[in-house]
Structures are given as structure tokens and as C-alpha cells.
Amino acid sequence: MNTAIKSQKQLARLDQALDSGTLADISGILADLSPGDAAHLISTSPPRSRDLLWNLLEPEQEADVLNELPEELRSSFIESMELTDVASLVGQLDDDDIADILQELPEEVTSQVLGIMDEADRARVEAVLSFSDDVAGGLMSADTITIRADLTLDVVLRYLRRHSEIPQNTDNLVVVSRNDRYVGILPIRTILVTDPNVSVREMMVTSREPIPANMPASEVARKFERNDWISAPVVDDEGKLLGRITIDDIVDVIREEADHSLTSLARIGEEDTFAPALQAAPRRAIWLGINLLTAFLAAGVINMFQGTIEKVVALAVLMPIVASMGGIAGTQTLTVLIRAMALGQINRRNQIWLVGREALVASINGILWAVIVAISASFWFNDQTLGLIIACAMLINLITAGVFGAALPLLLQKLGIDAALAGGVVLTTVTDVVGFLSFLGLASLFYG
């Protein structure tokens, strides 16, 4: 039976068991699930069901399922556990997974986890912990099979057979010098199809550049994507091999970046979909408060032209159109730029071109919709002057939205500010203020 279909059937049975409350059935179905499926089930359940499912896991499942859980949910489970239990559980994982979790835990828990490891495992984990989790060194695993260039493939094969198992996602062996400097890689497939009397030096690939330990995780992910890598060696500044990064770590990076971009655009941060209301509300309230302050700023601009609005009531009817069109145009541009930044497509060569392109797009759309709105407003209120005013205001605001929507994320990036999180607030303020100011300012000139 297809694995995906089998998993779907198991999850369907589990839903039925949860509805009926038969704990024995739930426990049996959980035992048959992969760690990823079990973690997915727990993370997509309401809080009460999560605790029940976690407590029904088999002891041998807990470590792997814990590793697959989202960071916030994992931390909540860890906080409810005894320190010794946490240390024992986390100690069962691979060194890079251990390091990922330890970076989230209090220092006393970290010390206990490291204390139960043997010297070799502890050294590998500490090597990963010396780097932050957003660079290559923090993603790598030190569990790597290395060989020398002067060996024959026959010797390498016999060396591999001495292992009871090899690290997961091992598609290459890393060739190093006697002082552990990176030399190249030897693909496993080459070993299997080549004359065993040939030396590693003759068959190894030396064109593969290793990844510097301090390379940002997002850049590492882009390298994996462009080159279809399964694994890649990581080196320090002197070229000494530290470990390797595997594709499963890169999938996590890509997923986290996608989640971050999506939630940041809505200005809600990293939020658990099933978090209790009292936990989710304060996080959203902060950005709602910031938006309220910007709304007061826009309201202040409107108040400056109160007399003009009283003379021409139609202005109050048409004001939201100008601001809304500018806001949508700006959001479109901002989204395009933030996506390009996330994909690593922005550089010094194309920044000015992109800003100019977005200004041209905004101008074309500005002229098109300015004409349409001008005609509509003129017929609606039987006032051609009003149509001209709103047309000019809309053109001004759409061009402003295009230019600011493109330039703002580039500026925020240079200032070290998260463009996805802060860009929307700033851009909305700009388009509202410019929209109201241009529309009401022009109206005050024409109508006195």
C-alpha cells in the first residue's frame, strides 16, 4: 500500500478514536505513525488533545516526535517535564538535532544533557552549539565519514562495511588531508560503479566548494536549491572540515523562512495556529496599537482640510478610494520585493532597475485607473473638476506607492530591520498620508 495513503487512513482512524475517546485505539494508532506524522497530528490538534496525544506516545517515540514538533510547541512540552527527563530524551537524538533543541533550553538543562553524553558525542554537539542557528555551522552535523585521497576504492568499501550504519543522507564521503583540511568529495555512486583498484585521488570531485561555517542559513538553502545537493561539507576559516549539512536541515530552513514571511506580512509574528486566545491576543494587540497610531496620523491630515470637506461633501465619499488604491498598489510591490529578497534575487546590480520598473508599472496603472475613476466621479457627482482632482491624486498616490513599495524593503534591509514585519505598517502610513494630502490638498486649491 502507498505510504501516503496508509498514513491518511491511520490519521482518519485516529480522528475517529479521538471522537469516541477510546484511548487504547489512539495509543495503538500512534505507535504505528512515523515521527513526522505523529508530530503533525499533535501540532494540528487543540491544546487539550495535544496533551492527551503526547502522553499516549510510546517512550521510544518521544525523542523523535519531540524533534519534529514546531519550536514553540516543543518548548511548551519541555517546560512541563523534569530536567532529568528532558536531558535523557534530547540525548537520544542526532548531534545537530540536539544542538537545535539545546539552543532553546535553559542553561541548566543544556548542562545536564551534555553531562549524560560520552566525550566524543559531547564534543560534536558543542562544536555545533558554538555557532548560532541561523548560520551554516548551526545547521551542520559533525557526524561525517571522512577518507584520505591516497586510499583505493576497495579499501574505502571495506572501511564502510566495518560500520554498523552510516549517517543518514550520506551521498558523498568527504576527502580530507592528514590535518583534516577539506580536499574534495567522493560520491557513493562512484564507489559502487568504479574499478576498486582505482585511488580516491583519481575519482574524487575537487570542484565542489565547501560551505563556510558562518554563511547565513538562507544563503545555504539557496545553494542547495540551485545545485540539487543532498549534503554539503562545512569548513572553518582555515578550510578545516567541521561537519556537513544535509537536505533535511535545509527543508526546515525553507519552511521556517516561508512561515516567517507569511506571518510577518500579517504582522502577527511566529504564532501557533492552535494557541489559546489569551496567548494569541496580546501578540496581535501590539501591532494593532502601532497601526492605530498611524491611523491617527492619517486622520490628522484629513482634519487639516475639514473646511474644504464641509464645502464639498463628495470629497468624504471619494477619499477612501484614493487611499485604498494606493495601499493595494504598495502592498503588491512590497510583496514582490520581499519575495525576491527571500529568494536571494536582489543585489546591487538590479536594485535601481527594480525600483524604476515598479515606478513605471505604478505609472501605467496610475494613468489607467485615474482615467476610469475621473470619468466615474464626474458622472456620479456631475462635477468634472472633482474628476480631475481625484485623477491627479490617484496618479500621485499610485506612483508613490510603487516607488516606496520597492525602495522601502531595500532600505529596511540595510538598516537591519525585518522588511516583512515593519514594511507594511510604514507603507500603509505613507500611502494613506500621501493619498489624503494630495486629494484634499488639490481640492482646497480648486474649491478654495
Protein backbone atom coordinates (compact mmCIF):
# COMPACT_ATOMS: atom_id res chain seq x y z
CA MET A 1 0.00 0.00 0.00
CA ASN A 2 1.21 3.51 -0.82
CA THR A 3 2.80 5.09 2.28
CA ALA A 4 0.90 8.38 1.91
CA ILE A 5 -2.45 6.57 1.57
CA LYS A 6 -1.62 4.40 4.58
CA SER A 7 -0.80 7.49 6.67
CA GLN A 8 -4.05 9.18 5.65
CA LYS A 9 -6.05 6.12 6.68
CA GLN A 10 -4.23 5.95 10.01
CA LEU A 11 -4.93 9.61 10.69
CA ALA A 12 -8.60 9.15 9.77
CA ARG A 13 -8.84 6.22 12.20
CA LEU A 14 -7.14 8.32 14.85
CA ASP A 15 -9.67 11.14 14.40
CA GLN A 16 -12.48 8.63 14.92
CA ALA A 17 -10.76 7.26 18.03
CA LEU A 18 -10.34 10.78 19.44
CA ASP A 19 -14.02 11.50 18.87
CA SER A 20 -15.04 8.28 20.62
CA GLY A 21 -12.47 8.61 23.40
CA THR A 22 -11.07 5.07 23.11
CA LEU A 23 -7.56 5.59 24.46
CA ALA A 24 -6.33 2.08 23.65
CA ASP A 25 -7.12 2.59 19.97
CA ILE A 26 -5.44 6.00 19.99
CA SER A 27 -2.28 4.60 21.57
CA GLY A 28 -2.11 1.74 19.07
CA ILE A 29 -2.54 4.01 16.06
CA LEU A 30 0.06 6.48 17.37
CA ALA A 31 2.56 3.65 17.73
CA ASP A 32 2.27 2.92 14.00
CA LEU A 33 2.76 6.52 12.88
CA SER A 34 6.10 7.92 11.74
CA PRO A 35 7.60 10.64 13.98
CA GLY A 36 6.71 13.28 11.38
CA ASP A 37 3.08 12.16 11.11
CA ALA A 38 2.72 11.93 14.90
CA ALA A 39 4.20 15.42 15.32
CA HIS A 40 1.89 16.78 12.61
CA LEU A 41 -1.12 15.26 14.34
CA ILE A 42 -0.16 16.76 17.70
CA SER A 43 0.64 20.22 16.30
CA THR A 44 -2.68 20.42 14.39
CA SER A 45 -4.79 19.45 17.42
CA PRO A 46 -6.37 21.79 20.01
CA PRO A 47 -4.36 22.19 23.27
CA ARG A 48 -6.36 19.62 25.28
CA SER A 49 -5.94 16.93 22.63
CA ARG A 50 -2.24 17.73 22.28
CA ASP A 51 -1.52 16.82 25.89
CA LEU A 52 -3.50 13.61 25.57
CA LEU A 53 -1.68 12.56 22.39
CA TRP A 54 1.73 13.36 23.82
CA ASN A 55 1.07 11.31 26.95
CA LEU A 56 -0.06 8.34 24.83
CA LEU A 57 3.17 8.15 22.83
CA GLU A 58 5.42 5.13 23.34
CA PRO A 59 8.60 6.04 25.29
CA GLU A 60 10.80 5.15 22.30
CA GLN A 61 8.78 7.54 20.11
CA GLU A 62 9.03 10.62 22.29
CA ALA A 63 12.51 11.83 21.31
CA ASP A 64 11.93 11.65 17.54
CA VAL A 65 8.43 13.17 17.78
CA LEU A 66 9.72 15.96 20.01
CA ASN A 67 12.35 16.77 17.40
CA GLU A 68 9.69 17.08 14.67
CA LEU A 69 7.39 19.43 16.62
CA PRO A 70 7.30 23.19 15.89
CA GLU A 71 9.68 25.13 18.11
CA GLU A 72 7.06 26.86 20.26
CA LEU A 73 5.07 23.69 20.90
CA ARG A 74 8.23 21.72 21.62
CA SER A 75 9.27 24.29 24.21
CA SER A 76 5.88 24.11 25.92
CA PHE A 77 6.18 20.32 26.33
CA ILE A 78 9.76 20.61 27.58
CA GLU A 79 8.77 23.21 30.19
CA SER A 80 6.33 20.71 31.73
CA MET A 81 8.95 17.96 32.05
CA GLU A 82 11.55 17.22 34.72
CA LEU A 83 15.08 18.33 33.82
CA THR A 84 16.44 14.79 34.01
CA ASP A 85 13.70 13.55 31.67
CA VAL A 86 14.46 16.33 29.19
CA ALA A 87 18.18 15.51 29.31
CA SER A 88 17.53 11.81 28.73
CA LEU A 89 15.07 12.46 25.91
CA VAL A 90 17.12 15.00 24.00
CA GLY A 91 20.26 12.92 24.40
CA GLN A 92 18.77 10.24 22.13
CA LEU A 93 18.80 12.50 19.04
CA ASP A 94 21.48 13.23 16.43
CA ASP A 95 24.02 15.88 17.38
CA ASP A 96 22.66 18.60 15.06
CA ASP A 97 19.10 17.99 16.31
CA ILE A 98 20.35 18.06 19.89
CA ALA A 99 22.05 21.39 19.24
CA ASP A 100 18.88 22.85 17.72
CA ILE A 101 16.86 21.96 20.80
CA LEU A 102 19.54 22.92 23.33
CA GLN A 103 19.65 26.44 21.89
CA GLU A 104 16.02 26.82 23.02
CA LEU A 105 16.52 25.42 26.55
CA PRO A 106 17.71 26.96 29.84
CA GLU A 107 21.41 26.66 30.59
CA GLU A 108 20.92 24.14 33.42
CA VAL A 109 19.07 21.77 31.09
CA THR A 110 21.78 22.13 28.47
CA SER A 111 24.43 21.22 31.05
CA GLN A 112 22.53 18.09 32.10
CA VAL A 113 22.06 16.94 28.51
CA LEU A 114 25.75 17.41 27.75
CA GLY A 115 26.64 15.67 31.00
CA ILE A 116 24.99 12.36 30.06
CA MET A 117 26.83 12.15 26.72
CA ASP A 118 30.12 10.42 26.11
CA GLU A 119 33.12 12.61 25.35
CA ALA A 120 33.01 12.21 21.56
CA ASP A 121 29.27 12.98 21.26
CA ARG A 122 29.59 15.95 23.62
CA ALA A 123 32.46 17.40 21.58
CA ARG A 124 30.41 17.15 18.37
CA VAL A 125 27.38 18.85 19.93
CA GLU A 126 29.49 21.60 21.49
CA ALA A 127 31.06 22.25 18.08
CA VAL A 128 27.59 22.90 16.65
CA LEU A 129 26.48 24.93 19.70
CA SER A 130 29.40 27.32 19.17
CA PHE A 131 27.50 28.74 16.17
CA SER A 132 24.16 30.49 16.06
CA ASP A 133 21.28 28.54 14.50
CA ASP A 134 20.97 30.95 11.55
CA VAL A 135 24.36 30.15 10.01
CA ALA A 136 25.80 27.04 8.37
CA GLY A 137 27.70 25.99 11.49
CA GLY A 138 24.47 25.88 13.48
CA LEU A 139 22.82 23.65 10.88
CA MET A 140 25.60 21.13 10.43
CA SER A 141 26.10 17.70 11.91
CA ALA A 142 29.59 16.72 12.97
CA ASP A 143 28.77 13.05 12.27
CA THR A 144 30.62 12.76 8.95
CA ILE A 145 32.56 9.94 7.28
CA THR A 146 35.95 11.15 6.05
CA ILE A 147 38.62 9.40 3.96
CA ARG A 148 42.11 10.13 2.63
CA ALA A 149 42.94 10.71 -1.04
CA ASP A 150 45.67 8.07 -1.18
CA LEU A 151 43.32 5.15 -0.42
CA THR A 152 41.94 2.82 -3.08
CA LEU A 153 38.20 2.41 -3.54
CA ASP A 154 38.50 -1.19 -2.37
CA VAL A 155 39.92 -0.01 0.96
CA VAL A 156 37.13 2.57 1.24
CA LEU A 157 34.50 -0.12 0.66
CA ARG A 158 36.00 -2.36 3.33
CA TYR A 159 36.13 0.64 5.68
CA LEU A 160 32.45 1.34 5.11
CA ARG A 161 31.47 -2.26 5.73
CA ARG A 162 33.03 -2.04 9.18
CA HIS A 163 30.29 0.46 10.14
CA SER A 164 27.05 -0.97 11.53
CA GLU A 165 25.33 2.05 9.93
CA ILE A 166 26.29 5.27 8.19
CA PRO A 167 24.85 8.74 8.82
CA GLN A 168 21.53 9.49 7.13
CA ASN A 169 21.58 11.27 3.76
CA THR A 170 25.17 10.20 3.11
CA ASP A 171 25.54 10.61 -0.65
CA ASN A 172 29.23 11.59 -0.55
CA LEU A 173 32.27 10.78 1.51
CA VAL A 174 34.39 13.79 2.40
CA VAL A 175 38.05 13.64 1.39
CA VAL A 176 40.39 15.40 3.83
CA SER A 177 44.13 15.81 4.28
CA ARG A 178 46.04 14.50 7.28
CA ASN A 179 45.34 17.72 9.19
CA ASP A 180 41.60 17.45 8.37
CA ARG A 181 41.54 20.17 5.71
CA TYR A 182 38.87 19.75 3.09
CA VAL A 183 40.13 18.36 -0.23
CA GLY A 184 37.01 17.19 -2.10
CA ILE A 185 34.17 14.68 -2.11
CA LEU A 186 33.79 11.13 -3.35
CA PRO A 187 30.20 10.27 -4.41
CA ILE A 188 28.91 6.92 -3.14
CA ARG A 189 27.70 6.07 -6.65
CA THR A 190 31.27 6.44 -7.92
CA ILE A 191 32.50 3.90 -5.39
CA LEU A 192 29.85 1.39 -6.47
CA VAL A 193 30.48 1.51 -10.23
CA THR A 194 34.25 2.09 -10.46
CA ASP A 195 37.17 -0.34 -10.52
CA PRO A 196 38.01 -0.93 -6.82
CA ASN A 197 41.75 -0.69 -7.53
CA VAL A 198 41.44 2.97 -8.55
CA SER A 199 42.54 5.52 -5.95
CA VAL A 200 40.29 8.09 -4.31
CA ARG A 201 42.50 10.86 -5.70
CA GLU A 202 41.69 9.80 -9.26
CA MET A 203 37.90 9.74 -8.75
CA MET A 204 37.18 12.45 -6.18
CA VAL A 205 35.45 15.71 -7.11
CA THR A 206 37.52 18.77 -6.23
CA SER A 207 35.33 21.37 -7.93
CA ARG A 208 32.70 21.28 -5.17
CA GLU A 209 33.31 24.30 -2.96
CA PRO A 210 32.65 23.68 0.74
CA ILE A 211 30.30 25.90 2.74
CA PRO A 212 31.90 28.39 5.16
CA ALA A 213 30.64 27.86 8.70
CA ASN A 214 29.48 31.48 9.02
CA MET A 215 27.45 31.54 5.79
CA PRO A 216 23.82 32.62 6.55
CA ALA A 217 21.33 29.75 6.58
CA SER A 218 19.18 31.39 3.90
CA GLU A 219 22.15 31.53 1.52
CA VAL A 220 22.98 27.89 2.26
CA ALA A 221 19.39 26.95 1.38
CA ARG A 222 19.65 28.77 -1.94
CA LYS A 223 22.88 26.89 -2.77
CA PHE A 224 21.16 23.57 -2.09
CA GLU A 225 18.22 24.61 -4.26
CA ARG A 226 20.33 25.76 -7.20
CA ASN A 227 22.63 22.74 -7.16
CA ASP A 228 20.21 19.97 -6.11
CA TRP A 229 22.51 18.92 -3.28
CA ILE A 230 21.65 16.24 -0.74
CA SER A 231 24.53 17.14 1.55
CA ALA A 232 27.42 19.60 1.63
CA PRO A 233 30.64 19.84 3.72
CA VAL A 234 31.15 22.73 6.14
CA VAL A 235 34.58 24.21 6.85
CA ASP A 236 36.06 26.86 9.13
CA ASP A 237 38.03 29.92 8.01
CA GLU A 238 41.18 27.82 7.55
CA GLY A 239 39.47 25.19 5.41
CA LYS A 240 39.34 22.57 8.15
CA LEU A 241 36.33 20.26 7.92
CA LEU A 242 33.80 20.81 10.73
CA GLY A 243 30.85 18.70 9.56
CA ARG A 244 28.18 18.58 6.89
CA ILE A 245 24.70 19.93 6.22
CA THR A 246 22.01 17.61 4.88
CA ILE A 247 18.85 18.26 2.90
CA ASP A 248 16.51 17.61 5.85
CA ASP A 249 18.05 20.59 7.66
CA ILE A 250 17.58 22.75 4.56
CA VAL A 251 13.90 21.78 4.27
CA ASP A 252 13.44 23.09 7.81
CA VAL A 253 15.17 26.37 6.90
CA ILE A 254 12.97 26.87 3.82
CA ARG A 255 9.81 26.08 5.78
CA GLU A 256 10.74 28.45 8.61
CA GLU A 257 11.52 31.26 6.17
CA ALA A 258 8.22 30.75 4.37
CA ASP A 259 6.31 30.77 7.66
CA HIS A 260 8.16 33.86 8.81
CA SER A 261 7.48 35.78 5.60
CA LEU A 262 3.78 34.92 5.61
CA THR A 263 3.13 35.71 9.27
CA SER A 264 5.30 38.83 9.19
CA LEU A 265 3.31 40.30 6.30
CA ALA A 266 0.23 39.99 8.51
CA ARG A 267 2.32 41.35 11.42
CA ILE A 268 1.47 38.53 13.81
CA GLY A 269 4.98 37.08 14.25
CA GLU A 270 5.56 33.38 14.82
CA GLU A 271 2.16 32.25 16.11
CA ASP A 272 0.87 28.77 16.87
CA THR A 273 -2.33 28.27 14.87
CA PHE A 274 -3.96 26.47 17.79
CA ALA A 275 -2.61 28.67 20.59
CA PRO A 276 -5.15 29.72 23.27
CA ALA A 277 -6.92 33.03 22.63
CA LEU A 278 -5.38 34.71 25.68
CA GLN A 279 -1.91 33.84 24.35
CA ALA A 280 -2.56 34.97 20.76
CA ALA A 281 -4.40 38.21 21.53
CA PRO A 282 -1.53 40.17 23.17
CA ARG A 283 0.82 39.49 20.25
CA ARG A 284 -1.64 40.86 17.74
CA ALA A 285 -2.60 43.76 20.02
CA ILE A 286 0.90 45.25 19.78
CA TRP A 287 0.74 45.70 16.02
CA LEU A 288 -2.89 46.78 16.14
CA GLY A 289 -1.75 49.54 18.50
CA ILE A 290 1.01 50.60 16.11
CA ASN A 291 -1.48 50.62 13.24
CA LEU A 292 -3.82 52.76 15.34
CA LEU A 293 -1.11 55.38 15.80
CA THR A 294 -0.57 55.54 12.04
CA ALA A 295 -4.33 55.82 11.55
CA PHE A 296 -4.39 58.82 13.87
CA LEU A 297 -1.66 60.37 11.72
CA ALA A 298 -3.81 59.93 8.60
CA ALA A 299 -6.82 61.29 10.49
CA GLY A 300 -4.76 64.34 11.41
CA VAL A 301 -4.10 65.02 7.72
CA ILE A 302 -7.84 64.81 7.00
CA ASN A 303 -8.58 67.19 9.86
CA MET A 304 -6.34 69.81 8.24
CA PHE A 305 -8.86 70.05 5.38
CA GLN A 306 -12.04 69.92 7.44
CA GLY A 307 -13.31 73.19 5.99
CA THR A 308 -12.87 72.01 2.39
CA ILE A 309 -14.67 68.74 3.14
CA GLU A 310 -17.60 70.67 4.63
CA LYS A 311 -17.89 72.70 1.43
CA VAL A 312 -17.66 69.69 -0.89
CA VAL A 313 -19.23 66.69 0.83
CA ALA A 314 -18.37 64.45 -2.16
CA LEU A 315 -14.74 64.57 -1.03
CA ALA A 316 -15.60 62.50 2.04
CA VAL A 317 -17.21 59.89 -0.22
CA LEU A 318 -14.22 59.62 -2.58
CA MET A 319 -11.34 59.85 -0.05
CA PRO A 320 -11.22 56.13 0.78
CA ILE A 321 -10.84 55.26 -2.93
CA VAL A 322 -7.56 57.15 -3.27
CA ALA A 323 -6.06 55.72 -0.06
CA SER A 324 -7.27 52.18 -0.77
CA MET A 325 -5.88 52.06 -4.31
CA GLY A 326 -2.52 53.34 -3.09
CA GLY A 327 -2.46 50.79 -0.27
CA ILE A 328 -3.17 47.86 -2.60
CA ALA A 329 -0.60 49.01 -5.17
CA GLY A 330 2.02 49.45 -2.47
CA THR A 331 1.31 46.03 -0.95
CA GLN A 332 1.66 44.38 -4.36
CA THR A 333 5.08 45.96 -4.88
CA LEU A 334 6.20 45.28 -1.30
CA THR A 335 5.25 41.60 -1.60
CA VAL A 336 7.16 41.22 -4.88
CA LEU A 337 10.30 42.77 -3.37
CA ILE A 338 10.14 40.80 -0.12
CA ARG A 339 9.71 37.57 -2.07
CA ALA A 340 12.71 38.46 -4.25
CA MET A 341 14.77 39.22 -1.15
CA ALA A 342 13.80 35.87 0.41
CA LEU A 343 14.89 34.08 -2.78
CA GLY A 344 18.20 35.94 -2.86
CA GLN A 345 17.41 37.66 -6.15
CA ILE A 346 18.23 41.20 -5.00
CA ASN A 347 21.74 42.59 -5.46
CA ARG A 348 23.46 45.90 -6.15
CA ARG A 349 23.19 45.42 -9.90
CA ASN A 350 19.42 45.23 -10.01
CA GLN A 351 18.16 47.36 -7.10
CA ILE A 352 17.84 50.62 -9.02
CA TRP A 353 16.36 48.79 -12.02
CA LEU A 354 13.70 47.20 -9.81
CA VAL A 355 12.72 50.50 -8.22
CA GLY A 356 12.48 52.07 -11.70
CA ARG A 357 10.46 49.13 -13.02
CA GLU A 358 7.97 49.38 -10.15
CA ALA A 359 7.67 53.14 -10.68
CA LEU A 360 6.87 52.51 -14.36
CA VAL A 361 4.32 49.81 -13.51
CA ALA A 362 2.70 52.17 -10.99
CA SER A 363 2.63 54.98 -13.57
CA ILE A 364 0.91 52.78 -16.17
CA ASN A 365 -1.69 51.57 -13.68
CA GLY A 366 -2.00 55.07 -12.23
CA ILE A 367 -2.89 56.58 -15.61
CA LEU A 368 -5.32 53.75 -16.41
CA TRP A 369 -7.25 53.89 -13.16
CA ALA A 370 -7.03 57.67 -12.86
CA VAL A 371 -8.91 57.99 -16.16
CA ILE A 372 -11.52 55.41 -15.10
CA VAL A 373 -12.09 57.00 -11.68
CA ALA A 374 -12.16 60.51 -13.16
CA ILE A 375 -14.90 59.59 -15.59
CA SER A 376 -16.86 57.74 -12.90
CA ALA A 377 -16.61 60.57 -10.37
CA SER A 378 -17.51 63.22 -12.99
CA PHE A 379 -20.72 61.40 -13.95
CA TRP A 380 -21.51 60.39 -10.37
CA PHE A 381 -21.38 63.92 -8.94
CA ASN A 382 -21.80 65.84 -12.22
CA ASP A 383 -18.55 67.68 -11.49
CA GLN A 384 -15.65 67.47 -13.96
CA THR A 385 -13.35 69.39 -11.61
CA LEU A 386 -13.83 66.73 -8.97
CA GLY A 387 -13.00 64.04 -11.54
CA LEU A 388 -9.76 65.86 -12.45
CA ILE A 389 -8.80 66.23 -8.79
CA ILE A 390 -9.27 62.57 -7.91
CA ALA A 391 -7.45 61.51 -11.11
CA CYS A 392 -4.39 63.58 -10.22
CA ALA A 393 -4.45 62.41 -6.60
CA MET A 394 -4.71 58.76 -7.61
CA LEU A 395 -1.83 59.06 -10.08
CA ILE A 396 0.34 60.71 -7.42
CA ASN A 397 -0.52 58.09 -4.79
CA LEU A 398 -0.04 55.05 -7.04
CA ILE A 399 3.38 56.26 -8.20
CA THR A 400 4.33 56.99 -4.58
CA ALA A 401 3.13 53.50 -3.59
CA GLY A 402 5.19 51.88 -6.35
CA VAL A 403 8.39 53.74 -5.53
CA PHE A 404 8.08 53.38 -1.75
CA GLY A 405 6.92 49.76 -2.00
CA ALA A 406 10.14 48.93 -3.88
CA ALA A 407 12.59 51.18 -2.05
CA LEU A 408 11.33 50.65 1.49
CA PRO A 409 12.27 46.95 1.92
CA LEU A 410 15.72 47.65 0.46
CA LEU A 411 16.22 50.49 2.94
CA LEU A 412 14.93 48.47 5.90
CA GLN A 413 17.23 45.60 4.95
CA LYS A 414 20.25 47.92 5.02
CA LEU A 415 19.16 49.16 8.45
CA GLY A 416 18.89 45.59 9.71
CA ILE A 417 15.09 45.80 10.17
CA ASP A 418 12.76 42.96 9.14
CA ALA A 419 11.12 44.32 5.98
CA ALA A 420 8.31 41.76 6.08
CA LEU A 421 7.36 42.72 9.62
CA ALA A 422 7.78 46.52 9.54
CA GLY A 423 7.37 47.34 5.85
CA GLY A 424 3.59 47.02 5.72
CA VAL A 425 3.00 49.46 8.59
CA VAL A 426 5.30 52.12 7.17
CA LEU A 427 3.97 51.72 3.63
CA THR A 428 0.33 51.93 4.72
CA THR A 429 1.10 55.15 6.58
CA VAL A 430 2.83 56.65 3.54
CA THR A 431 0.05 55.75 1.07
CA ASP A 432 -2.68 56.98 3.44
CA VAL A 433 -0.96 60.28 4.19
CA VAL A 434 0.07 60.95 0.57
CA GLY A 435 -3.36 59.90 -0.71
CA PHE A 436 -5.31 62.14 1.64
CA LEU A 437 -2.83 65.01 1.36
CA SER A 438 -2.79 65.02 -2.44
CA PHE A 439 -6.56 64.62 -2.83
CA LEU A 440 -7.65 67.11 -0.19
CA GLY A 441 -4.77 69.48 -0.96
CA LEU A 442 -5.75 69.67 -4.64
CA ALA A 443 -9.41 70.08 -3.65
CA SER A 444 -8.61 73.01 -1.40
CA LEU A 445 -6.74 74.70 -4.28
CA PHE A 446 -9.62 74.24 -6.75
CA TYR A 447 -12.53 74.88 -4.37
CA GLY A 448 -10.87 77.37 -2.07
